[in-house]
Amino acid sequence: MDITLNNLPEHIDTNKAAITVNELLAFKHFSFKMLVVKVNGKLVKKDEYSMATIKDGDDVQVIHLISGG
C-alpha cells in the first residue's frame, strides 16, 4: 500500500486493502500521547482510530502536539 504520510511518499508493507489509524500508528511507532490525525484532510478523533481506515493513495497527516511554557 502506498500513501502520503506527512507530505512524504510512504510504502506500508501489508496485504490488506485498508488499515486502521491504530495499525498505522503502531507500524510507524508513533507513541506520542497527544496526536492529531487527518486522513485526506478530515480530522480523525482519537476514539475513532480503531475504526477509521487508510487506503492506498490516501493522504495522511500525523502531528504530535508538544506543550510547554
PDB file of N, CA and C in Angstrom:
ATOM      1  N   MET A   1       0.843  -1.168   0.000  1.00  0.00           N
ATOM      2  CA  MET A   1       0.000   0.000   0.000  1.00  0.00           C
ATOM      3  C   MET A   1       0.891   1.234   0.000  1.00  0.00           C
ATOM      4  N   ASP A   2       0.602   2.173  -0.880  1.00  0.00           N
ATOM      5  CA  ASP A   2       1.361   3.417  -0.961  1.00  0.00           C
ATOM      6  C   ASP A   2       0.460   4.571  -0.549  1.00  0.00           C
ATOM      7  N   ILE A   3       0.929   5.350   0.423  1.00  0.00           N
ATOM      8  CA  ILE A   3       0.198   6.513   0.908  1.00  0.00           C
ATOM      9  C   ILE A   3       1.149   7.694   0.955  1.00  0.00           C
ATOM     10  N   THR A   4       0.610   8.857   1.238  1.00  0.00           N
ATOM     11  CA  THR A   4       1.425  10.021   1.543  1.00  0.00           C
ATOM     12  C   THR A   4       1.287  10.250   3.039  1.00  0.00           C
ATOM     13  N   LEU A   5       2.392  10.225   3.749  1.00  0.00           N
ATOM     14  CA  LEU A   5       2.394  10.410   5.196  1.00  0.00           C
ATOM     15  C   LEU A   5       3.223  11.635   5.533  1.00  0.00           C
ATOM     16  N   ASN A   6       2.574  12.631   6.096  1.00  0.00           N
ATOM     17  CA  ASN A   6       3.243  13.888   6.433  1.00  0.00           C
ATOM     18  C   ASN A   6       4.003  14.459   5.235  1.00  0.00           C
ATOM     19  N   ASN A   7       3.315  14.478   4.095  1.00  0.00           N
ATOM     20  CA  ASN A   7       3.800  15.054   2.833  1.00  0.00           C
ATOM     21  C   ASN A   7       4.937  14.277   2.177  1.00  0.00           C
ATOM     22  N   LEU A   8       5.183  13.053   2.624  1.00  0.00           N
ATOM     23  CA  LEU A   8       6.221  12.218   2.020  1.00  0.00           C
ATOM     24  C   LEU A   8       5.617  10.894   1.565  1.00  0.00           C
ATOM     25  N   PRO A   9       6.070  10.366   0.430  1.00  0.00           N
ATOM     26  CA  PRO A   9       5.570   9.056  -0.001  1.00  0.00           C
ATOM     27  C   PRO A   9       5.999   7.977   0.985  1.00  0.00           C
ATOM     28  N   GLU A  10       5.092   7.069   1.279  1.00  0.00           N
ATOM     29  CA  GLU A  10       5.364   6.016   2.265  1.00  0.00           C
ATOM     30  C   GLU A  10       4.753   4.715   1.768  1.00  0.00           C
ATOM     31  N   HIS A  11       5.535   3.640   1.829  1.00  0.00           N
ATOM     32  CA  HIS A  11       5.018   2.318   1.472  1.00  0.00           C
ATOM     33  C   HIS A  11       4.752   1.548   2.761  1.00  0.00           C
ATOM     34  N   ILE A  12       3.538   1.041   2.890  1.00  0.00           N
ATOM     35  CA  ILE A  12       3.157   0.222   4.037  1.00  0.00           C
ATOM     36  C   ILE A  12       3.114  -1.221   3.569  1.00  0.00           C
ATOM     37  N   ASP A  13       3.924  -2.058   4.172  1.00  0.00           N
ATOM     38  CA  ASP A  13       4.027  -3.462   3.759  1.00  0.00           C
ATOM     39  C   ASP A  13       2.875  -4.267   4.358  1.00  0.00           C
ATOM     40  N   THR A  14       1.793  -4.361   3.600  1.00  0.00           N
ATOM     41  CA  THR A  14       0.620  -5.107   4.036  1.00  0.00           C
ATOM     42  C   THR A  14      -0.089  -5.702   2.831  1.00  0.00           C
ATOM     43  N   ASN A  15      -0.785  -6.786   3.062  1.00  0.00           N
ATOM     44  CA  ASN A  15      -1.601  -7.399   2.016  1.00  0.00           C
ATOM     45  C   ASN A  15      -3.046  -6.943   2.105  1.00  0.00           C
ATOM     46  N   LYS A  16      -3.367  -6.144   3.123  1.00  0.00           N
ATOM     47  CA  LYS A  16      -4.733  -5.665   3.323  1.00  0.00           C
ATOM     48  C   LYS A  16      -5.054  -4.537   2.347  1.00  0.00           C
ATOM     49  N   ALA A  17      -6.336  -4.409   2.023  1.00  0.00           N
ATOM     50  CA  ALA A  17      -6.782  -3.305   1.173  1.00  0.00           C
ATOM     51  C   ALA A  17      -6.827  -2.004   1.954  1.00  0.00           C
ATOM     52  N   ALA A  18      -6.987  -2.098   3.279  1.00  0.00           N
ATOM     53  CA  ALA A  18      -7.039  -0.909   4.136  1.00  0.00           C
ATOM     54  C   ALA A  18      -6.506  -1.280   5.513  1.00  0.00           C
ATOM     55  N   ILE A  19      -5.961  -0.295   6.193  1.00  0.00           N
ATOM     56  CA  ILE A  19      -5.523  -0.474   7.578  1.00  0.00           C
ATOM     57  C   ILE A  19      -6.185   0.609   8.422  1.00  0.00           C
ATOM     58  N   THR A  20      -6.246   0.386   9.716  1.00  0.00           N
ATOM     59  CA  THR A  20      -6.817   1.400  10.603  1.00  0.00           C
ATOM     60  C   THR A  20      -5.740   2.406  10.995  1.00  0.00           C
ATOM     61  N   VAL A  21      -6.194   3.515  11.522  1.00  0.00           N
ATOM     62  CA  VAL A  21      -5.250   4.526  12.019  1.00  0.00           C
ATOM     63  C   VAL A  21      -4.384   3.909  13.119  1.00  0.00           C
ATOM     64  N   ASN A  22      -4.994   3.122  14.013  1.00  0.00           N
ATOM     65  CA  ASN A  22      -4.210   2.460  15.068  1.00  0.00           C
ATOM     66  C   ASN A  22      -3.107   1.586  14.480  1.00  0.00           C
ATOM     67  N   GLU A  23      -3.417   0.849  13.415  1.00  0.00           N
ATOM     68  CA  GLU A  23      -2.406  -0.011  12.786  1.00  0.00           C
ATOM     69  C   GLU A  23      -1.271   0.816  12.195  1.00  0.00           C
ATOM     70  N   LEU A  24      -1.609   1.942  11.570  1.00  0.00           N
ATOM     71  CA  LEU A  24      -0.564   2.813  11.022  1.00  0.00           C
ATOM     72  C   LEU A  24       0.322   3.369  12.129  1.00  0.00           C
ATOM     73  N   LEU A  25      -0.298   3.825  13.212  1.00  0.00           N
ATOM     74  CA  LEU A  25       0.483   4.382  14.322  1.00  0.00           C
ATOM     75  C   LEU A  25       1.418   3.335  14.910  1.00  0.00           C
ATOM     76  N   ALA A  26       0.960   2.096  15.025  1.00  0.00           N
ATOM     77  CA  ALA A  26       1.807   1.018  15.540  1.00  0.00           C
ATOM     78  C   ALA A  26       2.926   0.697  14.548  1.00  0.00           C
ATOM     79  N   PHE A  27       2.591   0.621  13.263  1.00  0.00           N
ATOM     80  CA  PHE A  27       3.572   0.302  12.226  1.00  0.00           C
ATOM     81  C   PHE A  27       4.697   1.338  12.194  1.00  0.00           C
ATOM     82  N   LYS A  28       4.335   2.612  12.366  1.00  0.00           N
ATOM     83  CA  LYS A  28       5.327   3.689  12.307  1.00  0.00           C
ATOM     84  C   LYS A  28       5.905   4.035  13.678  1.00  0.00           C
ATOM     85  N   HIS A  29       5.493   3.320  14.716  1.00  0.00           N
ATOM     86  CA  HIS A  29       5.990   3.526  16.081  1.00  0.00           C
ATOM     87  C   HIS A  29       5.731   4.943  16.600  1.00  0.00           C
ATOM     88  N   PHE A  30       4.584   5.518  16.222  1.00  0.00           N
ATOM     89  CA  PHE A  30       4.178   6.804  16.782  1.00  0.00           C
ATOM     90  C   PHE A  30       3.611   6.535  18.164  1.00  0.00           C
ATOM     91  N   SER A  31       4.274   7.049  19.192  1.00  0.00           N
ATOM     92  CA  SER A  31       3.856   6.737  20.557  1.00  0.00           C
ATOM     93  C   SER A  31       3.518   7.978  21.375  1.00  0.00           C
ATOM     94  N   PHE A  32       3.523   9.141  20.752  1.00  0.00           N
ATOM     95  CA  PHE A  32       3.180  10.365  21.478  1.00  0.00           C
ATOM     96  C   PHE A  32       1.736  10.295  21.959  1.00  0.00           C
ATOM     97  N   LYS A  33       1.474  10.812  23.150  1.00  0.00           N
ATOM     98  CA  LYS A  33       0.124  10.767  23.712  1.00  0.00           C
ATOM     99  C   LYS A  33      -0.810  11.757  23.023  1.00  0.00           C
ATOM    100  N   MET A  34      -0.274  12.898  22.639  1.00  0.00           N
ATOM    101  CA  MET A  34      -1.114  13.936  22.050  1.00  0.00           C
ATOM    102  C   MET A  34      -0.861  14.011  20.545  1.00  0.00           C
ATOM    103  N   LEU A  35      -1.716  13.323  19.779  1.00  0.00           N
ATOM    104  CA  LEU A  35      -1.583  13.297  18.331  1.00  0.00           C
ATOM    105  C   LEU A  35      -2.821  13.893  17.680  1.00  0.00           C
ATOM    106  N   VAL A  36      -2.612  14.517  16.546  1.00  0.00           N
ATOM    107  CA  VAL A  36      -3.703  14.936  15.678  1.00  0.00           C
ATOM    108  C   VAL A  36      -3.520  14.155  14.382  1.00  0.00           C
ATOM    109  N   VAL A  37      -4.573  13.447  13.953  1.00  0.00           N
ATOM    110  CA  VAL A  37      -4.501  12.638  12.738  1.00  0.00           C
ATOM    111  C   VAL A  37      -5.564  13.121  11.761  1.00  0.00           C
ATOM    112  N   LYS A  38      -5.136  13.353  10.524  1.00  0.00           N
ATOM    113  CA  LYS A  38      -6.062  13.698   9.453  1.00  0.00           C
ATOM    114  C   LYS A  38      -5.849  12.711   8.311  1.00  0.00           C
ATOM    115  N   VAL A  39      -6.946  12.229   7.758  1.00  0.00           N
ATOM    116  CA  VAL A  39      -6.895  11.364   6.582  1.00  0.00           C
ATOM    117  C   VAL A  39      -7.648  12.086   5.475  1.00  0.00           C
ATOM    118  N   ASN A  40      -6.936  12.394   4.398  1.00  0.00           N
ATOM    119  CA  ASN A  40      -7.499  13.155   3.281  1.00  0.00           C
ATOM    120  C   ASN A  40      -8.135  14.455   3.757  1.00  0.00           C
ATOM    121  N   GLY A  41      -7.481  15.129   4.705  1.00  0.00           N
ATOM    122  CA  GLY A  41      -7.933  16.412   5.195  1.00  0.00           C
ATOM    123  C   GLY A  41      -9.024  16.358   6.254  1.00  0.00           C
ATOM    124  N   LYS A  42      -9.506  15.164   6.574  1.00  0.00           N
ATOM    125  CA  LYS A  42     -10.578  15.026   7.565  1.00  0.00           C
ATOM    126  C   LYS A  42      -9.996  14.585   8.905  1.00  0.00           C
ATOM    127  N   LEU A  43     -10.300  15.344   9.958  1.00  0.00           N
ATOM    128  CA  LEU A  43      -9.816  15.030  11.290  1.00  0.00           C
ATOM    129  C   LEU A  43     -10.393  13.709  11.773  1.00  0.00           C
ATOM    130  N   VAL A  44      -9.541  12.868  12.337  1.00  0.00           N
ATOM    131  CA  VAL A  44      -9.972  11.596  12.925  1.00  0.00           C
ATOM    132  C   VAL A  44      -9.837  11.735  14.432  1.00  0.00           C
ATOM    133  N   LYS A  45     -10.942  11.574  15.141  1.00  0.00           N
ATOM    134  CA  LYS A  45     -10.917  11.661  16.603  1.00  0.00           C
ATOM    135  C   LYS A  45     -10.256  10.426  17.193  1.00  0.00           C
ATOM    136  N   LYS A  46      -9.645  10.599  18.346  1.00  0.00           N
ATOM    137  CA  LYS A  46      -8.885   9.513  18.969  1.00  0.00           C
ATOM    138  C   LYS A  46      -9.743   8.269  19.192  1.00  0.00           C
ATOM    139  N   ASP A  47     -11.004   8.440  19.574  1.00  0.00           N
ATOM    140  CA  ASP A  47     -11.853   7.274  19.815  1.00  0.00           C
ATOM    141  C   ASP A  47     -12.287   6.586  18.528  1.00  0.00           C
ATOM    142  N   GLU A  48     -11.919   7.145  17.360  1.00  0.00           N
ATOM    143  CA  GLU A  48     -12.234   6.537  16.069  1.00  0.00           C
ATOM    144  C   GLU A  48     -11.018   5.868  15.417  1.00  0.00           C
ATOM    145  N   TYR A  49      -9.851   5.914  16.082  1.00  0.00           N
ATOM    146  CA  TYR A  49      -8.628   5.367  15.491  1.00  0.00           C
ATOM    147  C   TYR A  49      -8.747   3.890  15.127  1.00  0.00           C
ATOM    148  N   SER A  50      -9.508   3.130  15.894  1.00  0.00           N
ATOM    149  CA  SER A  50      -9.614   1.691  15.619  1.00  0.00           C
ATOM    150  C   SER A  50     -10.598   1.395  14.490  1.00  0.00           C
ATOM    151  N   MET A  51     -11.396   2.387  14.085  1.00  0.00           N
ATOM    152  CA  MET A  51     -12.391   2.182  13.027  1.00  0.00           C
ATOM    153  C   MET A  51     -12.049   2.923  11.736  1.00  0.00           C
ATOM    154  N   ALA A  52     -11.356   4.055  11.844  1.00  0.00           N
ATOM    155  CA  ALA A  52     -11.031   4.866  10.665  1.00  0.00           C
ATOM    156  C   ALA A  52      -9.993   4.139   9.812  1.00  0.00           C
ATOM    157  N   THR A  53     -10.264   4.046   8.523  1.00  0.00           N
ATOM    158  CA  THR A  53      -9.370   3.280   7.649  1.00  0.00           C
ATOM    159  C   THR A  53      -8.552   4.184   6.735  1.00  0.00           C
ATOM    160  N   ILE A  54      -7.409   3.642   6.356  1.00  0.00           N
ATOM    161  CA  ILE A  54      -6.489   4.280   5.425  1.00  0.00           C
ATOM    162  C   ILE A  54      -6.319   3.312   4.269  1.00  0.00           C
ATOM    163  N   LYS A  55      -6.507   3.837   3.052  1.00  0.00           N
ATOM    164  CA  LYS A  55      -6.423   3.013   1.851  1.00  0.00           C
ATOM    165  C   LYS A  55      -5.287   3.496   0.954  1.00  0.00           C
ATOM    166  N   ASP A  56      -4.953   2.674  -0.021  1.00  0.00           N
ATOM    167  CA  ASP A  56      -3.919   3.017  -0.989  1.00  0.00           C
ATOM    168  C   ASP A  56      -4.220   4.389  -1.603  1.00  0.00           C
ATOM    169  N   GLY A  57      -3.218   5.251  -1.629  1.00  0.00           N
ATOM    170  CA  GLY A  57      -3.350   6.560  -2.228  1.00  0.00           C
ATOM    171  C   GLY A  57      -3.808   7.653  -1.283  1.00  0.00           C
ATOM    172  N   ASP A  58      -4.161   7.307  -0.039  1.00  0.00           N
ATOM    173  CA  ASP A  58      -4.638   8.310   0.912  1.00  0.00           C
ATOM    174  C   ASP A  58      -3.516   9.252   1.352  1.00  0.00           C
ATOM    175  N   ASP A  59      -3.929  10.458   1.724  1.00  0.00           N
ATOM    176  CA  ASP A  59      -3.021  11.468   2.253  1.00  0.00           C
ATOM    177  C   ASP A  59      -3.253  11.545   3.757  1.00  0.00           C
ATOM    178  N   VAL A  60      -2.241  11.206   4.542  1.00  0.00           N
ATOM    179  CA  VAL A  60      -2.364  11.125   5.988  1.00  0.00           C
ATOM    180  C   VAL A  60      -1.402  12.118   6.636  1.00  0.00           C
ATOM    181  N   GLN A  61      -1.913  12.847   7.612  1.00  0.00           N
ATOM    182  CA  GLN A  61      -1.092  13.748   8.413  1.00  0.00           C
ATOM    183  C   GLN A  61      -1.159  13.269   9.860  1.00  0.00           C
ATOM    184  N   VAL A  62      -0.008  13.043  10.457  1.00  0.00           N
ATOM    185  CA  VAL A  62       0.076  12.695  11.878  1.00  0.00           C
ATOM    186  C   VAL A  62       0.952  13.747  12.524  1.00  0.00           C
ATOM    187  N   ILE A  63       0.335  14.551  13.376  1.00  0.00           N
ATOM    188  CA  ILE A  63       1.029  15.670  14.009  1.00  0.00           C
ATOM    189  C   ILE A  63       1.044  15.443  15.506  1.00  0.00           C
ATOM    190  N   HIS A  64       2.218  15.514  16.113  1.00  0.00           N
ATOM    191  CA  HIS A  64       2.270  15.392  17.564  1.00  0.00           C
ATOM    192  C   HIS A  64       2.345  16.782  18.179  1.00  0.00           C
ATOM    193  N   LEU A  65       1.544  16.947  19.206  1.00  0.00           N
ATOM    194  CA  LEU A  65       1.473  18.228  19.903  1.00  0.00           C
ATOM    195  C   LEU A  65       2.427  18.206  21.082  1.00  0.00           C
ATOM    196  N   ILE A  66       3.146  19.285  21.242  1.00  0.00           N
ATOM    197  CA  ILE A  66       4.077  19.414  22.357  1.00  0.00           C
ATOM    198  C   ILE A  66       3.679  20.656  23.134  1.00  0.00           C
ATOM    199  N   SER A  67       3.491  20.464  24.426  1.00  0.00           N
ATOM    200  CA  SER A  67       3.143  21.620  25.254  1.00  0.00           C
ATOM    201  C   SER A  67       4.366  22.052  26.061  1.00  0.00           C
ATOM    202  N   GLY A  68       4.376  23.257  26.411  1.00  0.00           N
ATOM    203  CA  GLY A  68       5.492  23.777  27.175  1.00  0.00           C
ATOM    204  C   GLY A  68       5.155  25.161  27.694  1.00  0.00           C
ATOM    205  N   GLY A  69       6.090  25.717  28.370  1.00  0.00           N
ATOM    206  CA  GLY A  69       5.774  27.025  28.914  1.00  0.00           C
ATOM    207  C   GLY A  69       6.983  27.884  29.062  1.00  0.00           C
TER     208      GLY A  69
END
